[in-house]
Amino acid sequence: MTVAASRRWHSLVVPQLSLHTPIGDISVSEDDGAIVAIDWGWGSQQSPTHLLRRAQQQLDAYFDGDLTEFDLPLAPVGTAYQQRVWRALCAIPYGATRSYLDIAHTAGGSPRSVGQANGNNPIPIVIPCHRVLATTHIGGYSGGDGLPTKRWLLALEARAQPLLLPIPSAAA
């Protein structure tokens, strides 16, 4: 889809449902039976479709620490390269992280182009761009309040990870 076509699409009114979350208000949008965007802020139009209610339930469960994998139809609008990057992000397990370089090896391109694709991710949280870090620091984050939001999401997922692995028994 061209940039001009993407702008025309985004200006259309699509069903949207907003919710309060620990990282601020977000609005989830759907088009043609798939989630197409999660934006920060409260949307002016509220249309609680079945899919948007399902997304709300899954996001609530995620923020409560009870959901580690989303099961929603997604249709993010982006270039072929962005689509490859976003598919690679979806393969990062809950509680795990990858570097921009790791994603570049999977999707092609460079760490910088991966960062640009992350910044254009229209469905943050569900397409987990917050799980991508620079090799020497946390990297960037364009959603919510920026890096504090990324740190919060990483900390949420880290809470689900055991602090210590079990000690192997001497018999093993």
Protein backbone atom coordinates (compact mmCIF):
# COMPACT_ATOMS: atom_id res chain seq x y z
CA MET A 1 0.00 0.00 0.00
CA THR A 2 1.34 3.41 -0.88
CA VAL A 3 1.81 6.13 1.72
CA ALA A 4 -1.03 8.13 0.13
CA ALA A 5 -3.35 5.11 0.24
CA SER A 6 -2.37 4.46 3.84
CA ARG A 7 -3.23 8.05 4.78
CA ARG A 8 -6.61 7.76 3.03
CA TRP A 9 -7.30 4.48 4.86
CA HIS A 10 -6.33 5.92 8.25
CA SER A 11 -8.65 8.89 7.74
CA LEU A 12 -11.65 6.56 7.32
CA VAL A 13 -13.82 5.95 10.34
CA VAL A 14 -13.36 2.37 11.51
CA PRO A 15 -14.91 0.69 14.56
CA GLN A 16 -12.90 1.59 17.64
CA LEU A 17 -13.02 0.79 21.35
CA SER A 18 -11.03 2.60 24.03
CA LEU A 19 -9.90 1.26 27.38
CA HIS A 20 -8.05 2.38 30.46
CA THR A 21 -4.75 0.54 31.01
CA PRO A 22 -1.85 0.86 33.46
CA ILE A 23 0.14 2.60 30.69
CA GLY A 24 -2.62 5.07 29.82
CA ASP A 25 -5.74 5.08 27.71
CA ILE A 26 -5.54 3.18 24.44
CA SER A 27 -7.92 2.80 21.53
CA VAL A 28 -8.15 -0.40 19.48
CA SER A 29 -9.41 -0.18 15.88
CA GLU A 30 -10.65 -2.88 13.55
CA ASP A 31 -11.36 -3.04 9.88
CA ASP A 32 -12.87 -5.90 7.91
CA GLY A 33 -12.70 -8.35 10.84
CA ALA A 34 -9.10 -7.69 11.91
CA ILE A 35 -7.31 -5.42 14.37
CA VAL A 36 -5.57 -2.66 12.40
CA ALA A 37 -4.36 -0.24 15.09
CA ILE A 38 -3.78 0.43 18.75
CA ASP A 39 -3.34 4.11 19.46
CA TRP A 40 -2.64 5.95 22.71
CA GLY A 41 -5.50 8.13 23.87
CA TRP A 42 -9.27 7.90 24.05
CA GLY A 43 -11.02 7.65 20.69
CA SER A 44 -13.91 9.96 19.88
CA GLN A 45 -15.97 7.18 18.27
CA GLN A 46 -16.77 4.07 20.33
CA SER A 47 -18.11 1.02 18.49
CA PRO A 48 -17.83 -2.07 20.69
CA THR A 49 -17.90 -4.83 18.08
CA HIS A 50 -17.45 -8.48 19.03
CA LEU A 51 -13.80 -8.43 17.90
CA LEU A 52 -13.03 -5.21 19.78
CA ARG A 53 -14.57 -6.61 22.97
CA ARG A 54 -12.44 -9.74 22.50
CA ALA A 55 -9.35 -7.54 22.06
CA GLN A 56 -10.31 -5.60 25.20
CA GLN A 57 -10.64 -8.84 27.19
CA GLN A 58 -7.25 -10.06 25.97
CA LEU A 59 -5.54 -6.73 26.67
CA ASP A 60 -7.08 -6.62 30.17
CA ALA A 61 -5.81 -10.17 30.80
CA TYR A 62 -2.36 -9.21 29.45
CA PHE A 63 -2.13 -6.21 31.79
CA ASP A 64 -3.31 -8.40 34.70
CA GLY A 65 -0.44 -10.79 33.92
CA ASP A 66 -2.84 -13.59 32.94
CA LEU A 67 -2.26 -13.65 29.16
CA THR A 68 1.06 -14.32 27.49
CA GLU A 69 -0.03 -14.74 23.86
CA PHE A 70 -2.66 -12.80 21.94
CA ASP A 71 -5.12 -14.64 19.71
CA LEU A 72 -6.52 -11.91 17.48
CA PRO A 73 -6.71 -11.48 13.72
CA LEU A 74 -4.28 -8.71 12.76
CA ALA A 75 -4.02 -6.65 9.58
CA PRO A 76 -1.37 -3.98 10.11
CA VAL A 77 -0.91 -1.66 7.14
CA GLY A 78 2.72 -1.33 6.09
CA THR A 79 5.33 -2.03 3.45
CA ALA A 80 6.44 -5.56 2.64
CA TYR A 81 9.59 -4.97 4.71
CA GLN A 82 7.62 -3.65 7.69
CA GLN A 83 5.36 -6.70 7.47
CA ARG A 84 8.43 -9.00 7.67
CA VAL A 85 9.72 -7.13 10.71
CA TRP A 86 6.33 -7.24 12.44
CA ARG A 87 6.05 -11.01 11.80
CA ALA A 88 9.50 -11.43 13.36
CA LEU A 89 8.36 -9.43 16.40
CA CYS A 90 5.34 -11.69 16.84
CA ALA A 91 7.72 -14.65 17.09
CA ILE A 92 9.46 -13.21 20.18
CA PRO A 93 8.08 -15.12 23.17
CA TYR A 94 6.43 -13.36 26.09
CA GLY A 95 9.06 -12.28 28.60
CA ALA A 96 11.91 -12.61 26.08
CA THR A 97 13.76 -9.91 24.18
CA ARG A 98 15.71 -9.71 20.96
CA SER A 99 18.10 -7.10 19.64
CA TYR A 100 17.47 -4.92 16.61
CA LEU A 101 20.35 -6.86 15.02
CA ASP A 102 18.62 -10.21 15.75
CA ILE A 103 15.47 -8.99 14.02
CA ALA A 104 17.51 -7.64 11.09
CA HIS A 105 19.03 -11.13 10.65
CA THR A 106 15.50 -12.60 10.54
CA ALA A 107 13.67 -9.96 8.49
CA GLY A 108 16.53 -8.49 6.50
CA GLY A 109 17.73 -4.93 6.52
CA SER A 110 19.75 -3.25 9.22
CA PRO A 111 19.20 -2.58 12.93
CA ARG A 112 18.29 1.00 12.00
CA SER A 113 15.64 -0.11 9.48
CA VAL A 114 14.23 -2.51 12.10
CA GLY A 115 13.98 0.43 14.51
CA GLN A 116 12.14 2.45 11.88
CA ALA A 117 9.71 -0.41 11.25
CA ASN A 118 9.19 -0.73 15.02
CA GLY A 119 8.42 2.98 15.21
CA ASN A 120 5.78 2.53 12.50
CA ASN A 121 4.16 -0.50 14.17
CA PRO A 122 0.43 0.29 14.14
CA ILE A 123 -0.48 -2.42 16.69
CA PRO A 124 1.93 -2.00 19.63
CA ILE A 125 1.68 -4.38 22.60
CA VAL A 126 0.01 -7.08 20.47
CA ILE A 127 2.83 -6.83 17.92
CA PRO A 128 5.46 -6.63 20.67
CA CYS A 129 7.93 -4.00 19.47
CA HIS A 130 8.72 -3.30 23.15
CA ARG A 131 10.61 -6.63 23.25
CA VAL A 132 13.33 -5.31 20.92
CA LEU A 133 16.44 -3.80 22.52
CA ALA A 134 19.65 -2.27 21.26
CA THR A 135 22.77 -4.36 21.82
CA THR A 136 24.14 -1.94 24.42
CA HIS A 137 21.03 -0.26 25.86
CA ILE A 138 17.23 -0.41 25.95
CA GLY A 139 16.72 1.24 22.56
CA GLY A 140 13.78 3.49 21.77
CA TYR A 141 10.02 3.38 22.03
CA SER A 142 7.53 5.67 20.34
CA GLY A 143 4.36 4.58 22.14
CA GLY A 144 2.75 6.05 25.21
CA ASP A 145 5.27 7.94 27.31
CA GLY A 146 8.21 6.51 25.36
CA LEU A 147 10.90 4.66 27.31
CA PRO A 148 8.98 4.60 30.64
CA THR A 149 6.19 2.74 28.80
CA LYS A 150 8.67 0.29 27.27
CA ARG A 151 10.27 -0.33 30.66
CA TRP A 152 6.84 -0.90 32.23
CA LEU A 153 5.85 -3.46 29.57
CA LEU A 154 9.18 -5.29 29.91
CA ALA A 155 8.83 -5.33 33.71
CA LEU A 156 5.28 -6.69 33.43
CA GLU A 157 6.51 -9.57 31.31
CA ALA A 158 9.60 -10.12 33.47
CA ARG A 159 7.36 -10.70 36.52
CA ALA A 160 6.10 -13.87 34.85
CA GLN A 161 9.63 -15.26 34.57
CA PRO A 162 11.12 -17.29 37.43
CA LEU A 163 13.82 -15.42 39.31
CA LEU A 164 15.83 -18.59 39.77
CA LEU A 165 15.87 -21.72 37.71
CA PRO A 166 15.43 -24.96 39.62
CA ILE A 167 18.66 -26.47 40.86
CA PRO A 168 19.32 -29.72 39.05
CA SER A 169 19.25 -32.64 41.44
CA ALA A 170 22.45 -34.54 42.10
CA ALA A 171 20.79 -37.67 40.73
CA ALA A 172 20.20 -36.15 37.32
